[in-house]
Amino acid sequence: MCRTGLTVSLETLEAMTLGAAIRAYLDARADSAELSEHSLRGYQQDLESLVDYAEAAGVESMSGVDAELCRSWLWDQASAGLAPRTLRRRVSSLRGWSTWAHRQGLLAVDIGAGIHQPSAPKRLPRVLTEHQLSEIFDVLEQRAATGDPVGLRDRAIVELLYSSALRVGELCGLEMDAVDFTERTLRVVGKGNRERVVPMGGPAHTALTEYFEAGREALLAGKTSKKIFLNSRGGPLGPRTVYQLIAALLEPYPGNGPSGPHTLRHSAATHLLDHGADLRSVQEYLGHQSLATTELYTHVSIERLRSAFDQAHPRA
């Protein structure tokens, strides 16, 4: 096992990344000699999986780590078919690290204390109906119509999350040169640094254009940034803001599972299949390496017409 030799000081705590905090914890467990080398390797594997998931969501520092992120990680693991025994160990590893991090002052609260093992879902969580999404987009249109830069930004965010089925990390990582307005496509960097090109529906194209024309420059306020989406201070938009936006929009609609941006990705994939898109096309659209992962969505699709994206997507 790789030893870092990291010691946790007050200075380190102020700017520590999630990866560094986990390495410090693993070193502390190794020094205590309470666990076997085999158990330590298991802890390392579990917690490195959390780091990978967090980085894909755009979270690197400890300031962005919260219970919602950890629950989403575990739900993602369960949805991918992780063995129950391995999932139980990951919950245990998370709790052990969370308790230690809280004691060290890295976490304001022990976020692992209230987290329990999720059951592997037989149905996908939080798939919105097309009517519910229509209501959500109506709300966003009203906010954007005021000309408020944040309202224009938020409408573009939600349109792209649904239209192009983006992960939150992919959305926050988008840079200006990723958009092809002529072809109505986005170049997206997904998990494992894998790049894919995804279509952008008409309403998303309009929302992004209007955000560029009237919202983004106002948020920049004279600053420069390569990132498409910005916070109210002109800096890169973080995933936490996107989580908060989507959670607020989804609050009126009941459903199982976390109320985060992934709900729009789930909904987009499900609606594509409902309207006849073929499984292979949806696999490429979502950026799944394995077709088996995409097949999780087929249980909600009633008819298979095997039509292309422009025919299939309700907001194409």
C-alpha atoms as a PDB file:
ATOM      1  CA  MET A   1       0.000   0.000   0.000  1.00  0.00           C
ATOM      2  CA  CYS A   2       1.288   3.444  -0.893  1.00  0.00           C
ATOM      3  CA  ARG A   3       2.134   5.569   2.150  1.00  0.00           C
ATOM      4  CA  THR A   4       2.038   9.350   1.782  1.00  0.00           C
ATOM      5  CA  GLY A   5       3.592  10.402   5.068  1.00  0.00           C
ATOM      6  CA  LEU A   6       1.018  13.198   5.232  1.00  0.00           C
ATOM      7  CA  THR A   7       0.475  14.824   8.611  1.00  0.00           C
ATOM      8  CA  VAL A   8      -2.673  16.845   9.191  1.00  0.00           C
ATOM      9  CA  SER A   9      -2.004  20.366  10.448  1.00  0.00           C
ATOM     10  CA  LEU A  10      -4.370  23.318  10.790  1.00  0.00           C
ATOM     11  CA  GLU A  11      -2.859  24.862   7.651  1.00  0.00           C
ATOM     12  CA  THR A  12      -3.405  21.660   5.693  1.00  0.00           C
ATOM     13  CA  LEU A  13      -7.016  21.374   6.825  1.00  0.00           C
ATOM     14  CA  GLU A  14      -7.921  24.767   5.363  1.00  0.00           C
ATOM     15  CA  ALA A  15      -7.142  23.746   1.779  1.00  0.00           C
ATOM     16  CA  MET A  16      -7.132  19.950   1.787  1.00  0.00           C
ATOM     17  CA  THR A  17      -8.537  18.049  -1.170  1.00  0.00           C
ATOM     18  CA  LEU A  18     -10.784  15.048  -0.727  1.00  0.00           C
ATOM     19  CA  GLY A  19      -8.050  12.788  -2.096  1.00  0.00           C
ATOM     20  CA  ALA A  20      -5.480  14.128   0.369  1.00  0.00           C
ATOM     21  CA  ALA A  21      -7.916  13.727   3.275  1.00  0.00           C
ATOM     22  CA  ILE A  22      -8.535  10.109   2.351  1.00  0.00           C
ATOM     23  CA  ARG A  23      -4.806   9.386   2.012  1.00  0.00           C
ATOM     24  CA  ALA A  24      -4.245  10.886   5.458  1.00  0.00           C
ATOM     25  CA  TYR A  25      -6.983   8.667   6.881  1.00  0.00           C
ATOM     26  CA  LEU A  26      -5.552   5.537   5.271  1.00  0.00           C
ATOM     27  CA  ASP A  27      -2.102   6.363   6.637  1.00  0.00           C
ATOM     28  CA  ALA A  28      -3.585   6.834  10.105  1.00  0.00           C
ATOM     29  CA  ARG A  29      -5.328   3.453   9.900  1.00  0.00           C
ATOM     30  CA  ALA A  30      -2.112   1.805   8.699  1.00  0.00           C
ATOM     31  CA  ASP A  31      -0.128   3.332  11.571  1.00  0.00           C
ATOM     32  CA  SER A  32      -2.642   2.051  14.109  1.00  0.00           C
ATOM     33  CA  ALA A  33      -2.100  -1.574  12.991  1.00  0.00           C
ATOM     34  CA  GLU A  34      -5.781  -2.243  13.704  1.00  0.00           C
ATOM     35  CA  LEU A  35      -6.485  -3.548  10.217  1.00  0.00           C
ATOM     36  CA  SER A  36      -4.899  -6.219   8.073  1.00  0.00           C
ATOM     37  CA  GLU A  37      -3.201  -5.265   4.815  1.00  0.00           C
ATOM     38  CA  HIS A  38      -6.107  -6.897   2.981  1.00  0.00           C
ATOM     39  CA  SER A  39      -8.659  -4.769   4.854  1.00  0.00           C
ATOM     40  CA  LEU A  40      -6.647  -1.623   4.225  1.00  0.00           C
ATOM     41  CA  ARG A  41      -6.618  -2.332   0.511  1.00  0.00           C
ATOM     42  CA  GLY A  42     -10.397  -2.731   0.627  1.00  0.00           C
ATOM     43  CA  TYR A  43     -10.782   0.646   2.382  1.00  0.00           C
ATOM     44  CA  GLN A  44      -8.472   2.230  -0.167  1.00  0.00           C
ATOM     45  CA  GLN A  45     -10.439   0.826  -3.105  1.00  0.00           C
ATOM     46  CA  ASP A  46     -13.747   1.962  -1.625  1.00  0.00           C
ATOM     47  CA  LEU A  47     -12.654   5.499  -0.845  1.00  0.00           C
ATOM     48  CA  GLU A  48     -10.800   5.983  -4.126  1.00  0.00           C
ATOM     49  CA  SER A  49     -14.105   5.165  -5.813  1.00  0.00           C
ATOM     50  CA  LEU A  50     -15.646   8.076  -3.881  1.00  0.00           C
ATOM     51  CA  VAL A  51     -12.821  10.369  -5.029  1.00  0.00           C
ATOM     52  CA  ASP A  52     -13.361   9.338  -8.667  1.00  0.00           C
ATOM     53  CA  TYR A  53     -17.101   9.980  -8.410  1.00  0.00           C
ATOM     54  CA  ALA A  54     -16.579  13.349  -6.704  1.00  0.00           C
ATOM     55  CA  GLU A  55     -14.051  14.497  -9.305  1.00  0.00           C
ATOM     56  CA  ALA A  56     -16.433  13.495 -12.103  1.00  0.00           C
ATOM     57  CA  ALA A  57     -19.011  15.710 -10.370  1.00  0.00           C
ATOM     58  CA  GLY A  58     -16.505  18.579 -10.218  1.00  0.00           C
ATOM     59  CA  VAL A  59     -15.801  18.238  -6.481  1.00  0.00           C
ATOM     60  CA  GLU A  60     -12.152  18.128  -5.419  1.00  0.00           C
ATOM     61  CA  SER A  61     -11.859  20.086  -2.169  1.00  0.00           C
ATOM     62  CA  MET A  62     -13.312  19.086   1.173  1.00  0.00           C
ATOM     63  CA  SER A  63     -15.555  22.156   1.087  1.00  0.00           C
ATOM     64  CA  GLY A  64     -17.647  20.495  -1.612  1.00  0.00           C
ATOM     65  CA  VAL A  65     -18.112  17.160   0.186  1.00  0.00           C
ATOM     66  CA  ASP A  66     -21.513  16.682   1.788  1.00  0.00           C
ATOM     67  CA  ALA A  67     -24.055  13.969   2.564  1.00  0.00           C
ATOM     68  CA  GLU A  68     -25.907  14.492  -0.745  1.00  0.00           C
ATOM     69  CA  LEU A  69     -22.731  13.794  -2.726  1.00  0.00           C
ATOM     70  CA  CYS A  70     -22.039  10.621  -0.707  1.00  0.00           C
ATOM     71  CA  ARG A  71     -25.615   9.363  -1.053  1.00  0.00           C
ATOM     72  CA  SER A  72     -25.502   9.988  -4.793  1.00  0.00           C
ATOM     73  CA  TRP A  73     -22.231   8.046  -4.998  1.00  0.00           C
ATOM     74  CA  LEU A  74     -23.714   5.055  -3.169  1.00  0.00           C
ATOM     75  CA  TRP A  75     -26.893   5.198  -5.270  1.00  0.00           C
ATOM     76  CA  ASP A  76     -24.750   5.239  -8.404  1.00  0.00           C
ATOM     77  CA  GLN A  77     -22.847   2.192  -7.131  1.00  0.00           C
ATOM     78  CA  ALA A  78     -26.072   0.329  -6.349  1.00  0.00           C
ATOM     79  CA  SER A  79     -27.590   1.255  -9.730  1.00  0.00           C
ATOM     80  CA  ALA A  80     -24.506  -0.128 -11.485  1.00  0.00           C
ATOM     81  CA  GLY A  81     -25.169  -3.527  -9.879  1.00  0.00           C
ATOM     82  CA  LEU A  82     -22.413  -3.548  -7.257  1.00  0.00           C
ATOM     83  CA  ALA A  83     -22.561  -6.703  -5.135  1.00  0.00           C
ATOM     84  CA  PRO A  84     -24.434  -6.140  -1.836  1.00  0.00           C
ATOM     85  CA  ARG A  85     -21.416  -7.307   0.170  1.00  0.00           C
ATOM     86  CA  THR A  86     -19.150  -4.783  -1.573  1.00  0.00           C
ATOM     87  CA  LEU A  87     -21.757  -2.056  -1.151  1.00  0.00           C
ATOM     88  CA  ARG A  88     -21.962  -2.763   2.594  1.00  0.00           C
ATOM     89  CA  ARG A  89     -18.188  -2.456   2.828  1.00  0.00           C
ATOM     90  CA  ARG A  90     -18.264   0.864   0.982  1.00  0.00           C
ATOM     91  CA  VAL A  91     -20.817   2.248   3.418  1.00  0.00           C
ATOM     92  CA  SER A  92     -18.622   1.058   6.291  1.00  0.00           C
ATOM     93  CA  SER A  93     -15.516   2.616   4.717  1.00  0.00           C
ATOM     94  CA  LEU A  94     -17.359   5.909   4.200  1.00  0.00           C
ATOM     95  CA  ARG A  95     -18.557   5.992   7.799  1.00  0.00           C
ATOM     96  CA  GLY A  96     -15.097   5.240   9.159  1.00  0.00           C
ATOM     97  CA  TRP A  97     -13.488   7.969   7.112  1.00  0.00           C
ATOM     98  CA  SER A  98     -16.287  10.467   7.845  1.00  0.00           C
ATOM     99  CA  THR A  99     -15.975   9.963  11.612  1.00  0.00           C
ATOM    100  CA  TRP A 100     -12.204  10.450  11.438  1.00  0.00           C
ATOM    101  CA  ALA A 101     -12.511  13.527   9.187  1.00  0.00           C
ATOM    102  CA  HIS A 102     -15.053  15.081  11.559  1.00  0.00           C
ATOM    103  CA  ARG A 103     -12.756  14.535  14.530  1.00  0.00           C
ATOM    104  CA  GLN A 104      -9.875  16.097  12.594  1.00  0.00           C
ATOM    105  CA  GLY A 105     -11.944  19.163  11.793  1.00  0.00           C
ATOM    106  CA  LEU A 106     -12.157  18.415   8.072  1.00  0.00           C
ATOM    107  CA  LEU A 107     -15.954  18.023   8.174  1.00  0.00           C
ATOM    108  CA  ALA A 108     -18.291  20.264  10.137  1.00  0.00           C
ATOM    109  CA  VAL A 109     -20.547  17.259  10.772  1.00  0.00           C
ATOM    110  CA  ASP A 110     -20.083  13.501  10.569  1.00  0.00           C
ATOM    111  CA  ILE A 111     -21.881  13.110   7.253  1.00  0.00           C
ATOM    112  CA  GLY A 112     -21.517   9.326   7.240  1.00  0.00           C
ATOM    113  CA  ALA A 113     -23.436   8.840  10.490  1.00  0.00           C
ATOM    114  CA  GLY A 114     -26.844   9.148   8.833  1.00  0.00           C
ATOM    115  CA  ILE A 115     -26.028   7.274   5.633  1.00  0.00           C
ATOM    116  CA  HIS A 116     -27.283   3.741   5.183  1.00  0.00           C
ATOM    117  CA  GLN A 117     -26.782   1.200   2.448  1.00  0.00           C
ATOM    118  CA  PRO A 118     -29.129   1.859  -0.479  1.00  0.00           C
ATOM    119  CA  SER A 119     -31.017  -1.028  -1.957  1.00  0.00           C
ATOM    120  CA  ALA A 120     -30.181  -1.742  -5.565  1.00  0.00           C
ATOM    121  CA  PRO A 121     -33.086  -0.054  -7.338  1.00  0.00           C
ATOM    122  CA  LYS A 122     -35.360  -2.195  -9.476  1.00  0.00           C
ATOM    123  CA  ARG A 123     -36.658   0.984 -11.035  1.00  0.00           C
ATOM    124  CA  LEU A 124     -34.711   4.093 -11.848  1.00  0.00           C
ATOM    125  CA  PRO A 125     -35.019   6.898  -9.300  1.00  0.00           C
ATOM    126  CA  ARG A 126     -36.725  10.183 -10.009  1.00  0.00           C
ATOM    127  CA  VAL A 127     -37.800   9.791 -13.616  1.00  0.00           C
ATOM    128  CA  LEU A 128     -39.948  12.838 -14.292  1.00  0.00           C
ATOM    129  CA  THR A 129     -42.928  12.792 -16.608  1.00  0.00           C
ATOM    130  CA  GLU A 130     -42.896  14.986 -19.702  1.00  0.00           C
ATOM    131  CA  HIS A 131     -45.723  17.030 -18.179  1.00  0.00           C
ATOM    132  CA  GLN A 132     -43.699  17.661 -15.008  1.00  0.00           C
ATOM    133  CA  LEU A 133     -40.719  18.754 -17.089  1.00  0.00           C
ATOM    134  CA  SER A 134     -42.951  21.059 -19.116  1.00  0.00           C
ATOM    135  CA  GLU A 135     -44.030  22.745 -15.879  1.00  0.00           C
ATOM    136  CA  ILE A 136     -40.416  23.083 -14.750  1.00  0.00           C
ATOM    137  CA  PHE A 137     -39.399  24.649 -18.056  1.00  0.00           C
ATOM    138  CA  ASP A 138     -42.332  27.067 -17.820  1.00  0.00           C
ATOM    139  CA  VAL A 139     -40.974  28.269 -14.470  1.00  0.00           C
ATOM    140  CA  LEU A 140     -37.501  28.679 -15.934  1.00  0.00           C
ATOM    141  CA  GLU A 141     -38.855  30.550 -18.974  1.00  0.00           C
ATOM    142  CA  GLN A 142     -40.585  33.031 -16.662  1.00  0.00           C
ATOM    143  CA  ARG A 143     -37.349  33.652 -14.749  1.00  0.00           C
ATOM    144  CA  ALA A 144     -35.341  34.072 -17.942  1.00  0.00           C
ATOM    145  CA  ALA A 145     -37.928  36.455 -19.418  1.00  0.00           C
ATOM    146  CA  THR A 146     -36.987  39.057 -16.783  1.00  0.00           C
ATOM    147  CA  GLY A 147     -33.511  39.283 -18.302  1.00  0.00           C
ATOM    148  CA  ASP A 148     -31.867  38.326 -15.021  1.00  0.00           C
ATOM    149  CA  PRO A 149     -28.424  36.808 -15.832  1.00  0.00           C
ATOM    150  CA  VAL A 150     -28.858  34.024 -13.268  1.00  0.00           C
ATOM    151  CA  GLY A 151     -32.314  33.245 -14.650  1.00  0.00           C
ATOM    152  CA  LEU A 152     -30.893  33.006 -18.171  1.00  0.00           C
ATOM    153  CA  ARG A 153     -28.065  30.814 -16.903  1.00  0.00           C
ATOM    154  CA  ASP A 154     -30.332  28.494 -14.936  1.00  0.00           C
ATOM    155  CA  ARG A 155     -32.671  27.943 -17.888  1.00  0.00           C
ATOM    156  CA  ALA A 156     -29.685  27.035 -20.085  1.00  0.00           C
ATOM    157  CA  ILE A 157     -28.331  24.673 -17.397  1.00  0.00           C
ATOM    158  CA  VAL A 158     -31.564  22.705 -17.049  1.00  0.00           C
ATOM    159  CA  GLU A 159     -32.176  22.629 -20.797  1.00  0.00           C
ATOM    160  CA  LEU A 160     -28.714  21.137 -21.401  1.00  0.00           C
ATOM    161  CA  LEU A 161     -28.910  18.668 -18.509  1.00  0.00           C
ATOM    162  CA  TYR A 162     -32.088  17.264 -20.021  1.00  0.00           C
ATOM    163  CA  SER A 163     -31.535  17.802 -23.740  1.00  0.00           C
ATOM    164  CA  SER A 164     -28.010  16.369 -23.781  1.00  0.00           C
ATOM    165  CA  ALA A 165     -28.311  14.096 -20.698  1.00  0.00           C
ATOM    166  CA  LEU A 166     -25.194  15.562 -19.109  1.00  0.00           C
ATOM    167  CA  ARG A 167     -23.668  14.582 -15.794  1.00  0.00           C
ATOM    168  CA  VAL A 168     -23.229  17.551 -13.460  1.00  0.00           C
ATOM    169  CA  GLY A 169     -19.438  17.334 -13.742  1.00  0.00           C
ATOM    170  CA  GLU A 170     -19.686  17.367 -17.521  1.00  0.00           C
ATOM    171  CA  LEU A 171     -21.916  20.426 -17.413  1.00  0.00           C
ATOM    172  CA  CYS A 172     -19.683  22.384 -15.021  1.00  0.00           C
ATOM    173  CA  GLY A 173     -16.617  21.416 -17.041  1.00  0.00           C
ATOM    174  CA  LEU A 174     -17.957  22.723 -20.375  1.00  0.00           C
ATOM    175  CA  GLU A 175     -15.737  25.347 -21.992  1.00  0.00           C
ATOM    176  CA  MET A 176     -16.588  27.875 -24.684  1.00  0.00           C
ATOM    177  CA  ASP A 177     -15.033  25.876 -27.509  1.00  0.00           C
ATOM    178  CA  ALA A 178     -17.189  22.827 -26.670  1.00  0.00           C
ATOM    179  CA  VAL A 179     -20.259  24.263 -28.424  1.00  0.00           C
ATOM    180  CA  ASP A 180     -20.964  23.952 -32.132  1.00  0.00           C
ATOM    181  CA  PHE A 181     -23.997  26.164 -32.716  1.00  0.00           C
ATOM    182  CA  THR A 182     -24.142  25.328 -36.426  1.00  0.00           C
ATOM    183  CA  GLU A 183     -24.366  21.581 -35.868  1.00  0.00           C
ATOM    184  CA  ARG A 184     -26.200  22.012 -32.529  1.00  0.00           C
ATOM    185  CA  THR A 185     -23.785  19.703 -30.695  1.00  0.00           C
ATOM    186  CA  LEU A 186     -21.642  19.699 -27.564  1.00  0.00           C
ATOM    187  CA  ARG A 187     -18.226  18.134 -27.114  1.00  0.00           C
ATOM    188  CA  VAL A 188     -18.324  16.584 -23.655  1.00  0.00           C
ATOM    189  CA  VAL A 189     -15.520  15.135 -21.523  1.00  0.00           C
ATOM    190  CA  GLY A 190     -17.023  12.364 -19.383  1.00  0.00           C
ATOM    191  CA  LYS A 191     -15.862   9.683 -16.981  1.00  0.00           C
ATOM    192  CA  GLY A 192     -12.340   8.408 -17.518  1.00  0.00           C
ATOM    193  CA  ASN A 193     -11.567  11.553 -19.565  1.00  0.00           C
ATOM    194  CA  ARG A 194     -13.514  10.016 -22.449  1.00  0.00           C
ATOM    195  CA  GLU A 195     -14.784  12.519 -24.997  1.00  0.00           C
ATOM    196  CA  ARG A 196     -18.094  12.285 -26.842  1.00  0.00           C
ATOM    197  CA  VAL A 197     -20.226  14.549 -29.006  1.00  0.00           C
ATOM    198  CA  VAL A 198     -23.898  14.853 -28.068  1.00  0.00           C
ATOM    199  CA  PRO A 199     -26.843  16.583 -29.778  1.00  0.00           C
ATOM    200  CA  MET A 200     -28.452  19.706 -28.387  1.00  0.00           C
ATOM    201  CA  GLY A 201     -32.191  20.204 -28.779  1.00  0.00           C
ATOM    202  CA  GLY A 202     -33.814  23.335 -30.187  1.00  0.00           C
ATOM    203  CA  PRO A 203     -34.945  24.829 -26.839  1.00  0.00           C
ATOM    204  CA  ALA A 204     -31.487  24.158 -25.365  1.00  0.00           C
ATOM    205  CA  HIS A 205     -29.857  25.845 -28.376  1.00  0.00           C
ATOM    206  CA  THR A 206     -32.082  28.908 -27.885  1.00  0.00           C
ATOM    207  CA  ALA A 207     -31.501  29.033 -24.126  1.00  0.00           C
ATOM    208  CA  LEU A 208     -27.728  28.765 -24.503  1.00  0.00           C
ATOM    209  CA  THR A 209     -27.669  31.433 -27.230  1.00  0.00           C
ATOM    210  CA  GLU A 210     -29.650  33.873 -25.091  1.00  0.00           C
ATOM    211  CA  TYR A 211     -27.452  33.120 -22.061  1.00  0.00           C
ATOM    212  CA  PHE A 212     -24.365  33.929 -24.134  1.00  0.00           C
ATOM    213  CA  GLU A 213     -25.926  37.111 -25.510  1.00  0.00           C
ATOM    214  CA  ALA A 214     -27.371  38.601 -22.324  1.00  0.00           C
ATOM    215  CA  GLY A 215     -26.368  36.573 -19.258  1.00  0.00           C
ATOM    216  CA  ARG A 216     -22.785  35.364 -19.348  1.00  0.00           C
ATOM    217  CA  GLU A 217     -21.103  38.722 -19.944  1.00  0.00           C
ATOM    218  CA  ALA A 218     -23.105  40.256 -17.103  1.00  0.00           C
ATOM    219  CA  LEU A 219     -21.923  37.491 -14.745  1.00  0.00           C
ATOM    220  CA  LEU A 220     -18.305  37.895 -15.899  1.00  0.00           C
ATOM    221  CA  ALA A 221     -18.399  41.606 -15.016  1.00  0.00           C
ATOM    222  CA  GLY A 222     -15.142  42.275 -16.848  1.00  0.00           C
ATOM    223  CA  LYS A 223     -13.395  39.050 -15.833  1.00  0.00           C
ATOM    224  CA  THR A 224     -12.289  36.305 -18.205  1.00  0.00           C
ATOM    225  CA  SER A 225     -13.120  32.595 -18.064  1.00  0.00           C
ATOM    226  CA  LYS A 226     -13.096  29.639 -20.441  1.00  0.00           C
ATOM    227  CA  LYS A 227     -15.995  27.997 -18.605  1.00  0.00           C
ATOM    228  CA  ILE A 228     -19.455  28.363 -20.079  1.00  0.00           C
ATOM    229  CA  PHE A 229     -21.344  28.426 -16.803  1.00  0.00           C
ATOM    230  CA  LEU A 230     -20.390  30.967 -14.142  1.00  0.00           C
ATOM    231  CA  ASN A 231     -21.421  31.738 -10.599  1.00  0.00           C
ATOM    232  CA  SER A 232     -22.743  35.111  -9.463  1.00  0.00           C
ATOM    233  CA  ARG A 233     -19.164  36.331  -8.839  1.00  0.00           C
ATOM    234  CA  GLY A 234     -17.960  35.493 -12.347  1.00  0.00           C
ATOM    235  CA  GLY A 235     -16.051  32.353 -11.339  1.00  0.00           C
ATOM    236  CA  PRO A 236     -16.584  28.779 -12.590  1.00  0.00           C
ATOM    237  CA  LEU A 237     -19.938  27.351 -11.516  1.00  0.00           C
ATOM    238  CA  GLY A 238     -19.619  24.553  -8.948  1.00  0.00           C
ATOM    239  CA  PRO A 239     -21.742  21.390  -8.806  1.00  0.00           C
ATOM    240  CA  ARG A 240     -23.234  22.336  -5.442  1.00  0.00           C
ATOM    241  CA  THR A 241     -25.052  25.306  -7.015  1.00  0.00           C
ATOM    242  CA  VAL A 242     -26.457  23.012  -9.709  1.00  0.00           C
ATOM    243  CA  TYR A 243     -27.576  20.474  -7.087  1.00  0.00           C
ATOM    244  CA  GLN A 244     -29.350  23.227  -5.164  1.00  0.00           C
ATOM    245  CA  LEU A 245     -31.050  24.555  -8.302  1.00  0.00           C
ATOM    246  CA  ILE A 246     -32.376  21.148  -9.360  1.00  0.00           C
ATOM    247  CA  ALA A 247     -33.422  20.154  -5.838  1.00  0.00           C
ATOM    248  CA  ALA A 248     -35.516  23.330  -5.562  1.00  0.00           C
ATOM    249  CA  LEU A 249     -37.149  22.767  -8.960  1.00  0.00           C
ATOM    250  CA  LEU A 250     -37.945  19.121  -8.152  1.00  0.00           C
ATOM    251  CA  GLU A 251     -39.312  19.792  -4.675  1.00  0.00           C
ATOM    252  CA  PRO A 252     -42.987  19.892  -5.784  1.00  0.00           C
ATOM    253  CA  TYR A 253     -42.664  16.474  -7.446  1.00  0.00           C
ATOM    254  CA  PRO A 254     -42.487  13.328  -5.287  1.00  0.00           C
ATOM    255  CA  GLY A 255     -40.155  10.483  -6.190  1.00  0.00           C
ATOM    256  CA  ASN A 256     -37.571   8.005  -4.929  1.00  0.00           C
ATOM    257  CA  GLY A 257     -33.854   8.658  -4.697  1.00  0.00           C
ATOM    258  CA  PRO A 258     -31.722  11.825  -4.623  1.00  0.00           C
ATOM    259  CA  SER A 259     -33.234  14.985  -6.138  1.00  0.00           C
ATOM    260  CA  GLY A 260     -30.154  16.034  -8.079  1.00  0.00           C
ATOM    261  CA  PRO A 261     -29.094  16.768 -11.658  1.00  0.00           C
ATOM    262  CA  HIS A 262     -28.903  13.037 -12.437  1.00  0.00           C
ATOM    263  CA  THR A 263     -32.700  13.008 -12.371  1.00  0.00           C
ATOM    264  CA  LEU A 264     -32.736  14.946 -15.635  1.00  0.00           C
ATOM    265  CA  ARG A 265     -30.238  12.509 -17.172  1.00  0.00           C
ATOM    266  CA  HIS A 266     -32.394   9.555 -16.070  1.00  0.00           C
ATOM    267  CA  SER A 267     -35.475  11.277 -17.474  1.00  0.00           C
ATOM    268  CA  ALA A 268     -33.847  12.081 -20.818  1.00  0.00           C
ATOM    269  CA  ALA A 269     -32.710   8.481 -21.354  1.00  0.00           C
ATOM    270  CA  THR A 270     -36.081   7.077 -20.340  1.00  0.00           C
ATOM    271  CA  HIS A 271     -38.025   9.476 -22.578  1.00  0.00           C
ATOM    272  CA  LEU A 272     -35.786   8.686 -25.540  1.00  0.00           C
ATOM    273  CA  LEU A 273     -36.583   4.997 -25.149  1.00  0.00           C
ATOM    274  CA  ASP A 274     -40.263   5.756 -24.603  1.00  0.00           C
ATOM    275  CA  HIS A 275     -40.304   7.545 -27.952  1.00  0.00           C
ATOM    276  CA  GLY A 276     -38.532   4.753 -29.796  1.00  0.00           C
ATOM    277  CA  ALA A 277     -34.794   5.480 -29.728  1.00  0.00           C
ATOM    278  CA  ASP A 278     -32.652   2.353 -30.054  1.00  0.00           C
ATOM    279  CA  LEU A 279     -30.556   1.168 -27.137  1.00  0.00           C
ATOM    280  CA  ARG A 280     -27.184   1.522 -28.869  1.00  0.00           C
ATOM    281  CA  SER A 281     -27.859   5.163 -29.729  1.00  0.00           C
ATOM    282  CA  VAL A 282     -28.869   5.899 -26.145  1.00  0.00           C
ATOM    283  CA  GLN A 283     -25.687   4.174 -24.939  1.00  0.00           C
ATOM    284  CA  GLU A 284     -23.582   6.557 -27.044  1.00  0.00           C
ATOM    285  CA  TYR A 285     -25.722   9.518 -26.005  1.00  0.00           C
ATOM    286  CA  LEU A 286     -25.131   8.775 -22.305  1.00  0.00           C
ATOM    287  CA  GLY A 287     -21.461   7.879 -22.708  1.00  0.00           C
ATOM    288  CA  HIS A 288     -21.861   4.407 -21.175  1.00  0.00           C
ATOM    289  CA  GLN A 289     -19.024   1.989 -21.844  1.00  0.00           C
ATOM    290  CA  SER A 290     -21.277  -1.013 -21.279  1.00  0.00           C
ATOM    291  CA  LEU A 291     -24.633  -1.609 -22.930  1.00  0.00           C
ATOM    292  CA  ALA A 292     -25.678  -3.435 -19.743  1.00  0.00           C
ATOM    293  CA  THR A 293     -25.628  -0.093 -17.882  1.00  0.00           C
ATOM    294  CA  THR A 294     -27.935   1.485 -20.471  1.00  0.00           C
ATOM    295  CA  GLU A 295     -30.312  -1.484 -20.251  1.00  0.00           C
ATOM    296  CA  LEU A 296     -31.301  -0.273 -16.777  1.00  0.00           C
ATOM    297  CA  TYR A 297     -33.553   2.195 -18.585  1.00  0.00           C
ATOM    298  CA  THR A 298     -35.427  -0.257 -20.777  1.00  0.00           C
ATOM    299  CA  HIS A 299     -37.958  -1.261 -18.108  1.00  0.00           C
ATOM    300  CA  VAL A 300     -39.794   2.056 -18.478  1.00  0.00           C
ATOM    301  CA  SER A 301     -39.960   2.046 -22.243  1.00  0.00           C
ATOM    302  CA  ILE A 302     -43.291   0.764 -23.625  1.00  0.00           C
ATOM    303  CA  GLU A 303     -42.725   0.769 -27.356  1.00  0.00           C
ATOM    304  CA  ARG A 304     -39.564   0.384 -29.475  1.00  0.00           C
ATOM    305  CA  LEU A 305     -39.904   2.337 -32.705  1.00  0.00           C
ATOM    306  CA  ARG A 306     -36.100   2.583 -33.201  1.00  0.00           C
ATOM    307  CA  SER A 307     -36.217   6.165 -34.466  1.00  0.00           C
ATOM    308  CA  ALA A 308     -33.326   8.641 -34.410  1.00  0.00           C
ATOM    309  CA  PHE A 309     -32.738  11.399 -31.857  1.00  0.00           C
ATOM    310  CA  ASP A 310     -34.610  14.122 -33.745  1.00  0.00           C
ATOM    311  CA  GLN A 311     -37.683  11.904 -33.910  1.00  0.00           C
ATOM    312  CA  ALA A 312     -37.298  10.523 -30.381  1.00  0.00           C
ATOM    313  CA  HIS A 313     -36.463  13.336 -28.007  1.00  0.00           C
ATOM    314  CA  PRO A 314     -39.471  15.313 -26.788  1.00  0.00           C
ATOM    315  CA  ARG A 315     -37.465  18.570 -26.862  1.00  0.00           C
ATOM    316  CA  ALA A 316     -35.326  17.915 -29.954  1.00  0.00           C
END
